[in-house]
Amino acid sequence: MEWDDDTLRRFREGTPEVLAEVYRAHAEPLARLLKAAAWRGAFTRLRNAMELENTLLETFARAFEPRTRAAYNGTRPYAHFLMGIARNVLLEQSRERELVGRDEAFEGLTESSPEDGGLAELLEDREVEALLAAFKGGLSREEHRLFELRFGEGVAQEEAATALGLTRIQVRRREFGLKSRLLGFLQSKGYLEDLETRGWSFFKRRGAR
């Protein structure tokens, strides 16, 4: 993609459409680079598809943080910029695994004993945070604002409606649409597979009456 002055400005401002474009343009090439590096002998755990996806999502979650967006000057190839972030992610993950005395393979971490539950929860929390960042990156500006108001800041529907210039029923409908899309997105990644959206309520278990 082209990094003209307007694109760079909107990227630094965190415009959802631009973040989504950046993700679509660079996610697959970065995944190929990481996978190739793994098969050449560096960070061999990335041969595991789950490890590769987790690293990819964590890289973009960090790349889309405000300070990191501001650090990109639009001149250096963004693929190289991303690869630098990915290397830092991988090095930090390796140090964490050394500290807990675990094998490098992802399966060894997820099958931890109760005493190691904190580590498993930390890894899962990071994965969910990265997934949410990727989901929000694909939202429109209004959807992103609604998501942050209702689910990030916990603002009441009436206040969210006023802030967005909408009626409360419009907010309810759009909120339900966001919940449904988020659920589908997370389920495609292996989360919340036993839940569903129903009516105006939040997620309910399938089969619940």
C-alpha atoms as a PDB file:
ATOM      1  CA  MET A   1       0.000   0.000   0.000  1.00  0.00           C
ATOM      2  CA  GLU A   2       1.041   3.614  -0.583  1.00  0.00           C
ATOM      3  CA  TRP A   3       2.020   5.782   2.381  1.00  0.00           C
ATOM      4  CA  ASP A   4       1.138   9.308   1.302  1.00  0.00           C
ATOM      5  CA  ASP A   5       0.894  12.145   3.831  1.00  0.00           C
ATOM      6  CA  ASP A   6      -2.870  11.748   4.276  1.00  0.00           C
ATOM      7  CA  THR A   7      -2.640   7.983   4.830  1.00  0.00           C
ATOM      8  CA  LEU A   8       0.164   8.432   7.354  1.00  0.00           C
ATOM      9  CA  ARG A   9      -1.794  11.119   9.205  1.00  0.00           C
ATOM     10  CA  ARG A  10      -4.930   8.987   9.398  1.00  0.00           C
ATOM     11  CA  PHE A  11      -2.866   5.957  10.436  1.00  0.00           C
ATOM     12  CA  ARG A  12      -1.305   7.911  13.294  1.00  0.00           C
ATOM     13  CA  GLU A  13      -4.765   9.112  14.321  1.00  0.00           C
ATOM     14  CA  GLY A  14      -5.915   5.485  14.487  1.00  0.00           C
ATOM     15  CA  THR A  15      -8.565   5.733  11.756  1.00  0.00           C
ATOM     16  CA  PRO A  16     -10.190   2.256  11.735  1.00  0.00           C
ATOM     17  CA  GLU A  17     -10.416   2.060   7.935  1.00  0.00           C
ATOM     18  CA  VAL A  18      -6.682   2.723   7.554  1.00  0.00           C
ATOM     19  CA  LEU A  19      -5.745   0.256  10.315  1.00  0.00           C
ATOM     20  CA  ALA A  20      -7.865  -2.386   8.600  1.00  0.00           C
ATOM     21  CA  GLU A  21      -6.179  -1.647   5.257  1.00  0.00           C
ATOM     22  CA  VAL A  22      -2.726  -1.931   6.841  1.00  0.00           C
ATOM     23  CA  TYR A  23      -3.666  -5.242   8.458  1.00  0.00           C
ATOM     24  CA  ARG A  24      -5.042  -6.679   5.211  1.00  0.00           C
ATOM     25  CA  ALA A  25      -1.990  -5.546   3.251  1.00  0.00           C
ATOM     26  CA  HIS A  26       0.650  -6.856   5.647  1.00  0.00           C
ATOM     27  CA  ALA A  27      -0.764  -9.749   7.710  1.00  0.00           C
ATOM     28  CA  GLU A  28      -0.284 -12.474   5.113  1.00  0.00           C
ATOM     29  CA  PRO A  29       3.200 -11.350   3.963  1.00  0.00           C
ATOM     30  CA  LEU A  30       4.370 -11.116   7.586  1.00  0.00           C
ATOM     31  CA  ALA A  31       3.006 -14.589   8.321  1.00  0.00           C
ATOM     32  CA  ARG A  32       4.960 -15.951   5.335  1.00  0.00           C
ATOM     33  CA  LEU A  33       8.178 -14.270   6.508  1.00  0.00           C
ATOM     34  CA  LEU A  34       7.798 -15.640  10.042  1.00  0.00           C
ATOM     35  CA  LYS A  35       6.989 -19.112   8.785  1.00  0.00           C
ATOM     36  CA  ALA A  36       9.997 -19.069   6.447  1.00  0.00           C
ATOM     37  CA  ALA A  37      12.248 -17.976   9.318  1.00  0.00           C
ATOM     38  CA  ALA A  38      10.912 -20.816  11.468  1.00  0.00           C
ATOM     39  CA  TRP A  39      11.720 -23.423   8.844  1.00  0.00           C
ATOM     40  CA  ARG A  40      15.208 -21.957   8.427  1.00  0.00           C
ATOM     41  CA  GLY A  41      15.801 -22.673  12.122  1.00  0.00           C
ATOM     42  CA  ALA A  42      14.921 -19.406  13.895  1.00  0.00           C
ATOM     43  CA  PHE A  43      12.075 -19.533  16.445  1.00  0.00           C
ATOM     44  CA  THR A  44      11.086 -23.021  15.360  1.00  0.00           C
ATOM     45  CA  ARG A  45       7.954 -22.927  17.535  1.00  0.00           C
ATOM     46  CA  LEU A  46       6.364 -20.825  14.777  1.00  0.00           C
ATOM     47  CA  ARG A  47       6.027 -24.018  12.761  1.00  0.00           C
ATOM     48  CA  ASN A  48       2.983 -24.525  14.985  1.00  0.00           C
ATOM     49  CA  ALA A  49       0.016 -22.756  13.307  1.00  0.00           C
ATOM     50  CA  MET A  50      -1.412 -21.536  16.624  1.00  0.00           C
ATOM     51  CA  GLU A  51       1.955 -20.094  17.668  1.00  0.00           C
ATOM     52  CA  LEU A  52       2.278 -18.337  14.327  1.00  0.00           C
ATOM     53  CA  GLU A  53      -1.202 -16.802  14.570  1.00  0.00           C
ATOM     54  CA  ASN A  54      -0.674 -15.698  18.173  1.00  0.00           C
ATOM     55  CA  THR A  55       2.620 -14.001  17.285  1.00  0.00           C
ATOM     56  CA  LEU A  56       1.041 -12.335  14.257  1.00  0.00           C
ATOM     57  CA  LEU A  57      -1.867 -10.935  16.302  1.00  0.00           C
ATOM     58  CA  GLU A  58       0.394  -9.768  19.136  1.00  0.00           C
ATOM     59  CA  THR A  59       2.643  -8.015  16.610  1.00  0.00           C
ATOM     60  CA  PHE A  60      -0.264  -6.071  15.106  1.00  0.00           C
ATOM     61  CA  ALA A  61      -1.704  -5.300  18.555  1.00  0.00           C
ATOM     62  CA  ARG A  62       1.596  -3.620  19.450  1.00  0.00           C
ATOM     63  CA  ALA A  63       2.013  -2.016  16.027  1.00  0.00           C
ATOM     64  CA  PHE A  64      -1.410  -0.363  16.378  1.00  0.00           C
ATOM     65  CA  GLU A  65      -0.728   1.124  19.811  1.00  0.00           C
ATOM     66  CA  PRO A  66      -0.711   4.971  19.699  1.00  0.00           C
ATOM     67  CA  ARG A  67       2.993   5.404  20.504  1.00  0.00           C
ATOM     68  CA  THR A  68       4.016   2.804  17.925  1.00  0.00           C
ATOM     69  CA  ARG A  69       1.826   4.350  15.229  1.00  0.00           C
ATOM     70  CA  ALA A  70       3.397   7.738  15.972  1.00  0.00           C
ATOM     71  CA  ALA A  71       6.898   6.244  15.646  1.00  0.00           C
ATOM     72  CA  TYR A  72       6.372   5.144  12.050  1.00  0.00           C
ATOM     73  CA  ASN A  73       7.589   7.819   9.608  1.00  0.00           C
ATOM     74  CA  GLY A  74       6.056   6.471   6.400  1.00  0.00           C
ATOM     75  CA  THR A  75       9.470   6.205   4.697  1.00  0.00           C
ATOM     76  CA  ARG A  76      10.865   2.926   5.976  1.00  0.00           C
ATOM     77  CA  PRO A  77       9.074  -0.088   4.423  1.00  0.00           C
ATOM     78  CA  TYR A  78       6.279  -0.974   6.824  1.00  0.00           C
ATOM     79  CA  ALA A  79       7.025  -4.677   6.387  1.00  0.00           C
ATOM     80  CA  HIS A  80      10.498  -4.087   7.887  1.00  0.00           C
ATOM     81  CA  PHE A  81       8.963  -2.026  10.691  1.00  0.00           C
ATOM     82  CA  LEU A  82       6.551  -4.868  11.485  1.00  0.00           C
ATOM     83  CA  MET A  83       9.297  -7.476  11.387  1.00  0.00           C
ATOM     84  CA  GLY A  84      11.226  -5.517  14.014  1.00  0.00           C
ATOM     85  CA  ILE A  85       8.183  -5.572  16.283  1.00  0.00           C
ATOM     86  CA  ALA A  86       7.682  -9.292  15.637  1.00  0.00           C
ATOM     87  CA  ARG A  87      11.294 -10.001  16.627  1.00  0.00           C
ATOM     88  CA  ASN A  88      10.793  -8.170  19.918  1.00  0.00           C
ATOM     89  CA  VAL A  89       7.603 -10.160  20.563  1.00  0.00           C
ATOM     90  CA  LEU A  90       9.403 -13.441  19.911  1.00  0.00           C
ATOM     91  CA  LEU A  91      12.392 -12.527  22.080  1.00  0.00           C
ATOM     92  CA  GLU A  92      10.125 -11.523  24.966  1.00  0.00           C
ATOM     93  CA  GLN A  93       8.169 -14.756  24.638  1.00  0.00           C
ATOM     94  CA  SER A  94      11.402 -16.738  24.690  1.00  0.00           C
ATOM     95  CA  ARG A  95      12.599 -14.955  27.842  1.00  0.00           C
ATOM     96  CA  GLU A  96       9.277 -15.613  29.556  1.00  0.00           C
ATOM     97  CA  ARG A  97       9.482 -19.290  28.718  1.00  0.00           C
ATOM     98  CA  GLU A  98      13.014 -19.517  30.030  1.00  0.00           C
ATOM     99  CA  LEU A  99      11.945 -17.909  33.303  1.00  0.00           C
ATOM    100  CA  VAL A 100       9.206 -20.453  33.900  1.00  0.00           C
ATOM    101  CA  GLY A 101      11.470 -23.334  32.847  1.00  0.00           C
ATOM    102  CA  ARG A 102       9.070 -24.543  30.180  1.00  0.00           C
ATOM    103  CA  ASP A 103       9.701 -26.158  26.804  1.00  0.00           C
ATOM    104  CA  GLU A 104       9.527 -23.869  23.795  1.00  0.00           C
ATOM    105  CA  ALA A 105       6.514 -25.632  22.300  1.00  0.00           C
ATOM    106  CA  PHE A 106       3.144 -23.952  22.823  1.00  0.00           C
ATOM    107  CA  GLU A 107       1.466 -27.200  23.849  1.00  0.00           C
ATOM    108  CA  GLY A 108       3.715 -27.461  26.874  1.00  0.00           C
ATOM    109  CA  LEU A 109       2.532 -24.075  28.102  1.00  0.00           C
ATOM    110  CA  THR A 110      -1.163 -24.659  27.623  1.00  0.00           C
ATOM    111  CA  GLU A 111      -1.025 -27.984  29.435  1.00  0.00           C
ATOM    112  CA  SER A 112       0.338 -26.378  32.602  1.00  0.00           C
ATOM    113  CA  SER A 113      -0.522 -27.594  36.071  1.00  0.00           C
ATOM    114  CA  PRO A 114      -2.796 -25.608  38.454  1.00  0.00           C
ATOM    115  CA  GLU A 115       0.290 -24.009  39.993  1.00  0.00           C
ATOM    116  CA  ASP A 116       1.150 -22.598  36.561  1.00  0.00           C
ATOM    117  CA  GLY A 117      -2.361 -21.328  35.871  1.00  0.00           C
ATOM    118  CA  GLY A 118      -1.256 -17.715  36.020  1.00  0.00           C
ATOM    119  CA  LEU A 119       0.994 -18.173  32.987  1.00  0.00           C
ATOM    120  CA  ALA A 120      -1.720 -19.898  30.945  1.00  0.00           C
ATOM    121  CA  GLU A 121      -4.168 -17.121  31.831  1.00  0.00           C
ATOM    122  CA  LEU A 122      -1.592 -14.480  30.875  1.00  0.00           C
ATOM    123  CA  LEU A 123      -1.035 -16.057  27.462  1.00  0.00           C
ATOM    124  CA  GLU A 124      -4.770 -16.389  26.852  1.00  0.00           C
ATOM    125  CA  ASP A 125      -5.389 -12.792  27.943  1.00  0.00           C
ATOM    126  CA  ARG A 126      -2.754 -11.567  25.496  1.00  0.00           C
ATOM    127  CA  GLU A 127      -4.248 -13.613  22.697  1.00  0.00           C
ATOM    128  CA  VAL A 128      -7.742 -12.254  23.374  1.00  0.00           C
ATOM    129  CA  GLU A 129      -6.403  -8.685  23.523  1.00  0.00           C
ATOM    130  CA  ALA A 130      -4.730  -9.173  20.155  1.00  0.00           C
ATOM    131  CA  LEU A 131      -7.910 -10.667  18.687  1.00  0.00           C
ATOM    132  CA  LEU A 132      -9.956  -7.722  19.938  1.00  0.00           C
ATOM    133  CA  ALA A 133      -7.451  -5.282  18.445  1.00  0.00           C
ATOM    134  CA  ALA A 134      -7.717  -7.058  15.090  1.00  0.00           C
ATOM    135  CA  PHE A 135     -11.534  -7.027  15.296  1.00  0.00           C
ATOM    136  CA  LYS A 136     -11.676  -3.332  16.150  1.00  0.00           C
ATOM    137  CA  GLY A 137      -9.250  -2.579  13.332  1.00  0.00           C
ATOM    138  CA  GLY A 138     -11.938  -3.654  10.869  1.00  0.00           C
ATOM    139  CA  LEU A 139     -14.714  -1.486  12.303  1.00  0.00           C
ATOM    140  CA  SER A 140     -15.929   1.779  10.837  1.00  0.00           C
ATOM    141  CA  ARG A 141     -15.190   4.981  12.757  1.00  0.00           C
ATOM    142  CA  GLU A 142     -18.725   5.067  14.230  1.00  0.00           C
ATOM    143  CA  GLU A 143     -18.677   1.355  15.107  1.00  0.00           C
ATOM    144  CA  HIS A 144     -15.274   1.737  16.752  1.00  0.00           C
ATOM    145  CA  ARG A 145     -16.534   4.660  18.836  1.00  0.00           C
ATOM    146  CA  LEU A 146     -19.664   2.738  19.874  1.00  0.00           C
ATOM    147  CA  PHE A 147     -17.544  -0.277  20.809  1.00  0.00           C
ATOM    148  CA  GLU A 148     -15.264   1.842  22.993  1.00  0.00           C
ATOM    149  CA  LEU A 149     -18.144   3.726  24.635  1.00  0.00           C
ATOM    150  CA  ARG A 150     -20.217   0.681  25.504  1.00  0.00           C
ATOM    151  CA  PHE A 151     -17.624  -2.042  26.070  1.00  0.00           C
ATOM    152  CA  GLY A 152     -14.468  -0.084  26.829  1.00  0.00           C
ATOM    153  CA  GLU A 153     -15.754   2.808  28.941  1.00  0.00           C
ATOM    154  CA  GLY A 154     -19.024   1.215  30.120  1.00  0.00           C
ATOM    155  CA  VAL A 155     -21.086   4.232  29.099  1.00  0.00           C
ATOM    156  CA  ALA A 156     -24.887   3.782  29.355  1.00  0.00           C
ATOM    157  CA  GLN A 157     -26.854   3.422  26.122  1.00  0.00           C
ATOM    158  CA  GLU A 158     -28.534   6.817  26.576  1.00  0.00           C
ATOM    159  CA  GLU A 159     -25.167   8.563  26.946  1.00  0.00           C
ATOM    160  CA  ALA A 160     -23.690   6.633  24.015  1.00  0.00           C
ATOM    161  CA  ALA A 161     -26.669   7.639  21.868  1.00  0.00           C
ATOM    162  CA  THR A 162     -26.138  11.316  22.738  1.00  0.00           C
ATOM    163  CA  ALA A 163     -22.390  11.121  22.030  1.00  0.00           C
ATOM    164  CA  LEU A 164     -22.991   9.495  18.634  1.00  0.00           C
ATOM    165  CA  GLY A 165     -26.011  11.564  17.635  1.00  0.00           C
ATOM    166  CA  LEU A 166     -28.227   8.470  17.489  1.00  0.00           C
ATOM    167  CA  THR A 167     -31.436   7.322  19.160  1.00  0.00           C
ATOM    168  CA  ARG A 168     -31.263   4.729  21.892  1.00  0.00           C
ATOM    169  CA  ILE A 169     -32.963   2.124  19.688  1.00  0.00           C
ATOM    170  CA  GLN A 170     -30.342   2.737  16.981  1.00  0.00           C
ATOM    171  CA  VAL A 171     -27.598   2.202  19.534  1.00  0.00           C
ATOM    172  CA  ARG A 172     -29.276  -1.015  20.718  1.00  0.00           C
ATOM    173  CA  ARG A 173     -29.522  -2.370  17.194  1.00  0.00           C
ATOM    174  CA  ARG A 174     -25.954  -1.484  16.279  1.00  0.00           C
ATOM    175  CA  GLU A 175     -24.664  -2.811  19.580  1.00  0.00           C
ATOM    176  CA  PHE A 176     -26.400  -6.124  18.940  1.00  0.00           C
ATOM    177  CA  GLY A 177     -24.843  -6.224  15.464  1.00  0.00           C
ATOM    178  CA  LEU A 178     -21.400  -5.631  16.961  1.00  0.00           C
ATOM    179  CA  LYS A 179     -21.931  -8.377  19.539  1.00  0.00           C
ATOM    180  CA  SER A 180     -22.995 -10.840  16.860  1.00  0.00           C
ATOM    181  CA  ARG A 181     -20.020 -10.028  14.645  1.00  0.00           C
ATOM    182  CA  LEU A 182     -17.594 -10.160  17.579  1.00  0.00           C
ATOM    183  CA  LEU A 183     -18.963 -13.527  18.656  1.00  0.00           C
ATOM    184  CA  GLY A 184     -18.607 -14.907  15.135  1.00  0.00           C
ATOM    185  CA  PHE A 185     -15.061 -13.541  14.922  1.00  0.00           C
ATOM    186  CA  LEU A 186     -14.011 -15.062  18.255  1.00  0.00           C
ATOM    187  CA  GLN A 187     -15.679 -18.386  17.445  1.00  0.00           C
ATOM    188  CA  SER A 188     -13.715 -18.534  14.186  1.00  0.00           C
ATOM    189  CA  LYS A 189     -10.587 -18.338  16.380  1.00  0.00           C
ATOM    190  CA  GLY A 190     -11.748 -21.112  18.722  1.00  0.00           C
ATOM    191  CA  TYR A 191     -13.271 -19.010  21.516  1.00  0.00           C
ATOM    192  CA  LEU A 192     -16.824 -19.042  22.963  1.00  0.00           C
ATOM    193  CA  GLU A 193     -17.926 -21.886  20.701  1.00  0.00           C
ATOM    194  CA  ASP A 194     -20.820 -22.827  23.020  1.00  0.00           C
ATOM    195  CA  LEU A 195     -22.403 -19.364  23.005  1.00  0.00           C
ATOM    196  CA  GLU A 196     -24.798 -17.465  20.769  1.00  0.00           C
ATOM    197  CA  THR A 197     -26.544 -14.108  20.518  1.00  0.00           C
ATOM    198  CA  ARG A 198     -30.290 -14.042  21.045  1.00  0.00           C
ATOM    199  CA  GLY A 199     -32.765 -11.177  21.052  1.00  0.00           C
ATOM    200  CA  TRP A 200     -31.432  -7.957  22.544  1.00  0.00           C
ATOM    201  CA  SER A 201     -29.473  -9.769  25.247  1.00  0.00           C
ATOM    202  CA  PHE A 202     -25.799 -10.605  25.355  1.00  0.00           C
ATOM    203  CA  PHE A 203     -24.425 -14.059  24.579  1.00  0.00           C
ATOM    204  CA  LYS A 204     -26.437 -17.024  25.856  1.00  0.00           C
ATOM    205  CA  ARG A 205     -25.518 -20.662  25.881  1.00  0.00           C
ATOM    206  CA  ARG A 206     -27.003 -22.740  23.106  1.00  0.00           C
ATOM    207  CA  GLY A 207     -29.946 -24.750  24.354  1.00  0.00           C
ATOM    208  CA  ALA A 208     -30.673 -22.270  27.195  1.00  0.00           C
ATOM    209  CA  ARG A 209     -34.317 -21.335  27.590  1.00  0.00           C
END
